[in-house]
């Protein structure tokens, strides 16, 4: 039970870290009588959907003053003019966040915008398996007799793919966690001396690639 709890906590932390890694930085240009985000070249309002954790920067590109007010009190009104051109906020909660220019608009009219914040997509179990698995082949350099050790956190399909220096696949070996946790002996003495690359495949996806040197 403790092992399950630790594994679940590890996956949860991984999901959070991946969500943070994919947070977006969004710029909303504030001009004379408009708010405009990337890709929105028409209309007055910029109504867009973003994820929790995304960072939004309002940036003044005009010559007028456009104090920007939150319709629902999510932030204090901030100045927006050539002398104070930027305001940045990280959105950490789900919800709808309408705003407007106090000089040229009102709630839902004139110069206004709406940000709809949705939950950040979580990492899938496959993503967690991909990131949590570690494969090592040693000794390295080796004379052909090596040990393969796989550290993994989930019940995925693990394989070792060995390739030569120009990327040609030499062999693929299925890795059973119960055999590789303590170290699986592998004989590569039939291969020529040189540099090779071994990749860990998790459910068919490459999780990592490392170099292996074989000597006489």
Protein backbone atom coordinates (compact mmCIF):
# COMPACT_ATOMS: atom_id res chain seq x y z
CA UNK A 1 0.00 0.00 0.00
CA UNK A 2 2.88 2.35 0.82
CA UNK A 3 4.49 1.53 -2.53
CA UNK A 4 1.24 2.38 -4.33
CA UNK A 5 0.98 5.67 -2.41
CA UNK A 6 4.55 6.63 -3.29
CA UNK A 7 4.01 5.70 -6.95
CA UNK A 8 0.79 7.70 -7.12
CA UNK A 9 2.48 10.71 -5.52
CA UNK A 10 5.35 10.45 -8.00
CA UNK A 11 2.96 10.39 -10.96
CA UNK A 12 1.01 13.32 -9.53
CA UNK A 13 4.19 15.36 -9.14
CA UNK A 14 5.20 14.44 -12.68
CA UNK A 15 1.83 15.57 -14.01
CA UNK A 16 2.20 18.90 -12.22
CA UNK A 17 5.71 19.41 -13.56
CA UNK A 18 4.63 18.63 -17.11
CA UNK A 19 1.69 21.00 -16.81
CA UNK A 20 4.06 23.74 -15.64
CA UNK A 21 6.44 22.99 -18.49
CA UNK A 22 3.69 23.55 -21.03
CA UNK A 23 2.44 26.86 -19.55
CA UNK A 24 2.11 29.51 -22.26
CA UNK A 25 3.18 33.15 -22.30
CA UNK A 26 0.45 35.20 -23.96
CA UNK A 27 0.67 38.85 -25.00
CA UNK A 28 -2.40 41.04 -25.43
CA UNK A 29 -1.60 44.23 -27.31
CA UNK A 30 -3.39 47.30 -25.99
CA UNK A 31 -3.89 49.98 -28.60
CA UNK A 32 -6.13 52.93 -29.26
CA UNK A 33 -9.59 51.46 -28.61
CA UNK A 34 -8.68 47.77 -28.86
CA UNK A 35 -7.28 44.76 -27.04
CA UNK A 36 -5.72 42.30 -29.46
CA UNK A 37 -3.97 38.99 -28.86
CA UNK A 38 -1.84 36.94 -31.26
CA UNK A 39 -3.81 35.84 -34.29
CA UNK A 40 -6.75 38.18 -33.64
CA UNK A 41 -6.56 40.92 -36.26
CA UNK A 42 -10.16 42.03 -36.39
CA UNK A 43 -12.80 43.18 -33.96
CA UNK A 44 -12.48 45.07 -30.73
CA UNK A 45 -12.57 42.31 -28.12
CA UNK A 46 -10.04 39.54 -27.70
CA UNK A 47 -12.00 36.59 -26.27
CA UNK A 48 -9.75 33.59 -25.84
CA UNK A 49 -9.36 30.39 -23.85
CA UNK A 50 -6.17 29.80 -21.87
CA UNK A 51 -4.97 27.15 -19.41
CA UNK A 52 -4.38 27.39 -15.68
CA UNK A 53 -0.78 28.46 -15.19
CA UNK A 54 -0.59 30.54 -18.36
CA UNK A 55 1.04 33.95 -18.07
CA UNK A 56 -0.67 36.93 -19.74
CA UNK A 57 1.03 40.25 -20.43
CA UNK A 58 -0.93 43.31 -21.54
CA UNK A 59 1.39 45.49 -23.63
CA UNK A 60 0.66 49.05 -24.73
CA UNK A 61 1.22 49.66 -28.44
CA UNK A 62 -0.73 52.91 -28.79
CA UNK A 63 -0.41 56.49 -27.66
CA UNK A 64 -3.43 56.86 -25.38
CA UNK A 65 -3.97 55.89 -21.76
CA UNK A 66 -5.99 52.68 -21.32
CA UNK A 67 -6.38 51.84 -17.58
CA UNK A 68 -7.49 48.20 -17.57
CA UNK A 69 -10.02 47.07 -14.98
CA UNK A 70 -11.19 43.57 -14.06
CA UNK A 71 -14.98 43.27 -14.25
CA UNK A 72 -15.06 40.78 -11.36
CA UNK A 73 -12.30 42.19 -9.15
CA UNK A 74 -9.66 39.61 -10.08
CA UNK A 75 -7.00 42.35 -10.12
CA UNK A 76 -6.68 46.01 -9.25
CA UNK A 77 -7.00 48.44 -12.14
CA UNK A 78 -3.60 48.88 -13.71
CA UNK A 79 -2.34 51.81 -15.81
CA UNK A 80 -1.68 51.13 -19.46
CA UNK A 81 0.11 53.90 -21.33
CA UNK A 82 3.46 54.53 -23.08
CA UNK A 83 5.06 55.39 -19.73
CA UNK A 84 3.75 52.19 -18.10
CA UNK A 85 3.49 49.80 -21.05
CA UNK A 86 3.27 46.35 -19.43
CA UNK A 87 1.25 44.45 -16.86
CA UNK A 88 1.77 40.71 -16.31
CA UNK A 89 -0.44 38.26 -14.44
CA UNK A 90 -0.36 34.48 -13.97
CA UNK A 91 -3.80 32.85 -14.01
CA UNK A 92 -3.86 30.10 -11.40
CA UNK A 93 -7.61 29.43 -11.12
CA UNK A 94 -10.33 28.27 -13.49
CA UNK A 95 -12.93 30.86 -14.47
CA UNK A 96 -13.97 33.66 -16.78
CA UNK A 97 -12.09 36.94 -16.44
CA UNK A 98 -13.68 39.83 -18.38
CA UNK A 99 -11.94 43.21 -18.37
CA UNK A 100 -12.27 46.62 -19.99
CA UNK A 101 -10.58 49.96 -20.50
CA UNK A 102 -12.02 52.46 -18.05
CA UNK A 103 -11.41 55.29 -20.52
CA UNK A 104 -12.79 53.74 -23.70
CA UNK A 105 -15.07 50.88 -22.71
CA UNK A 106 -17.18 49.13 -20.11
CA UNK A 107 -18.15 45.58 -19.14
CA UNK A 108 -18.90 43.86 -22.44
CA UNK A 109 -18.81 47.02 -24.52
CA UNK A 110 -16.36 49.34 -26.25
CA UNK A 111 -12.78 48.41 -25.51
CA UNK A 112 -13.03 45.15 -23.58
CA UNK A 113 -11.79 41.57 -23.54
CA UNK A 114 -12.50 38.21 -21.92
CA UNK A 115 -10.11 35.49 -20.78
CA UNK A 116 -11.64 32.06 -20.19
CA UNK A 117 -9.30 29.95 -18.06
CA UNK A 118 -9.70 26.16 -18.18
CA UNK A 119 -7.97 23.34 -16.30
CA UNK A 120 -4.52 22.43 -17.56
CA UNK A 121 -4.45 19.06 -19.34
CA UNK A 122 -2.78 16.52 -17.06
CA UNK A 123 -0.04 14.15 -18.07
CA UNK A 124 -1.26 10.75 -19.22
CA UNK A 125 -0.08 7.49 -17.66
CA UNK A 126 1.91 6.87 -20.86
CA UNK A 127 3.69 10.20 -20.39
CA UNK A 128 4.47 9.26 -16.79
CA UNK A 129 5.85 5.85 -17.80
CA UNK A 130 7.96 7.52 -20.48
CA UNK A 131 9.53 9.98 -18.08
CA UNK A 132 9.90 7.66 -15.10
CA UNK A 133 11.87 4.85 -16.76
CA UNK A 134 15.68 4.76 -16.73
CA UNK A 135 17.89 2.33 -18.66
CA UNK A 136 21.60 1.76 -18.12
CA UNK A 137 24.02 -0.63 -19.82
CA UNK A 138 27.34 -1.28 -18.08
CA UNK A 139 30.29 -1.56 -18.03
CA UNK A 140 30.78 1.15 -20.63
CA UNK A 141 33.21 0.83 -22.43
CA UNK A 142 32.77 -2.92 -22.61
CA UNK A 143 34.38 -5.95 -24.25
CA UNK A 144 30.92 -7.32 -25.10
CA UNK A 145 29.63 -8.74 -21.85
CA UNK A 146 27.28 -6.14 -20.41
CA UNK A 147 24.52 -5.87 -17.85
CA UNK A 148 21.21 -4.16 -18.63
CA UNK A 149 19.43 -2.50 -15.73
CA UNK A 150 15.96 -0.98 -16.06
CA UNK A 151 14.36 1.20 -13.44
CA UNK A 152 10.67 1.74 -14.12
CA UNK A 153 7.50 2.93 -12.35
CA UNK A 154 4.66 1.57 -14.47
CA UNK A 155 3.47 -1.54 -16.28
CA UNK A 156 4.43 -0.50 -19.79
CA UNK A 157 6.08 -2.37 -22.68
CA UNK A 158 9.84 -1.80 -22.44
CA UNK A 159 12.42 -2.58 -25.11
CA UNK A 160 16.10 -1.90 -25.69
CA UNK A 161 17.00 -0.91 -29.25
CA UNK A 162 20.66 -1.05 -30.24
CA UNK A 163 21.79 0.98 -33.26
CA UNK A 164 25.12 1.60 -34.95
CA UNK A 165 26.70 5.01 -35.37
CA UNK A 166 24.79 5.72 -38.61
CA UNK A 167 21.43 4.88 -37.07
CA UNK A 168 20.92 1.36 -38.40
CA UNK A 169 19.08 -0.89 -35.96
CA UNK A 170 21.24 -3.80 -34.87
CA UNK A 171 18.80 -5.57 -32.57
CA UNK A 172 15.81 -5.01 -30.32
CA UNK A 173 15.43 -6.77 -27.00
CA UNK A 174 12.27 -7.01 -24.90
CA UNK A 175 12.91 -5.96 -21.31
CA UNK A 176 10.91 -7.63 -18.60
CA UNK A 177 11.01 -5.52 -15.42
CA UNK A 178 11.27 -8.57 -13.18
CA UNK A 179 14.47 -9.63 -15.00
CA UNK A 180 16.13 -6.25 -15.47
CA UNK A 181 15.54 -4.69 -12.05
CA UNK A 182 18.53 -6.54 -10.63
CA UNK A 183 20.47 -6.56 -13.91
CA UNK A 184 20.08 -8.66 -17.05
CA UNK A 185 23.28 -10.14 -18.59
CA UNK A 186 23.61 -9.48 -22.32
CA UNK A 187 26.25 -10.81 -24.71
CA UNK A 188 27.29 -8.33 -27.43
CA UNK A 189 30.65 -9.93 -28.16
CA UNK A 190 29.57 -10.81 -31.70
CA UNK A 191 29.46 -7.11 -32.62
CA UNK A 192 32.37 -5.21 -34.10
CA UNK A 193 34.45 -2.79 -32.06
CA UNK A 194 33.05 0.72 -32.21
CA UNK A 195 30.49 3.18 -30.98
CA UNK A 196 26.83 2.17 -30.67
CA UNK A 197 23.70 3.79 -29.31
CA UNK A 198 21.12 2.10 -27.12
CA UNK A 199 17.60 3.49 -26.75
CA UNK A 200 14.90 2.72 -24.24
CA UNK A 201 11.52 2.26 -25.91
CA UNK A 202 8.43 2.67 -23.73
CA UNK A 203 5.26 1.51 -25.48
CA UNK A 204 7.05 2.10 -28.78
CA UNK A 205 8.25 5.64 -27.94
CA UNK A 206 11.88 6.57 -27.41
CA UNK A 207 12.37 7.60 -23.78
CA UNK A 208 16.15 8.00 -23.83
CA UNK A 209 19.23 7.28 -25.95
CA UNK A 210 22.76 6.74 -24.68
CA UNK A 211 26.13 5.83 -26.16
CA UNK A 212 27.84 2.47 -25.73
CA UNK A 213 31.46 1.80 -26.67
CA UNK A 214 32.54 -1.76 -27.52
CA UNK A 215 36.25 -2.59 -27.43
CA UNK A 216 38.37 -5.61 -28.38
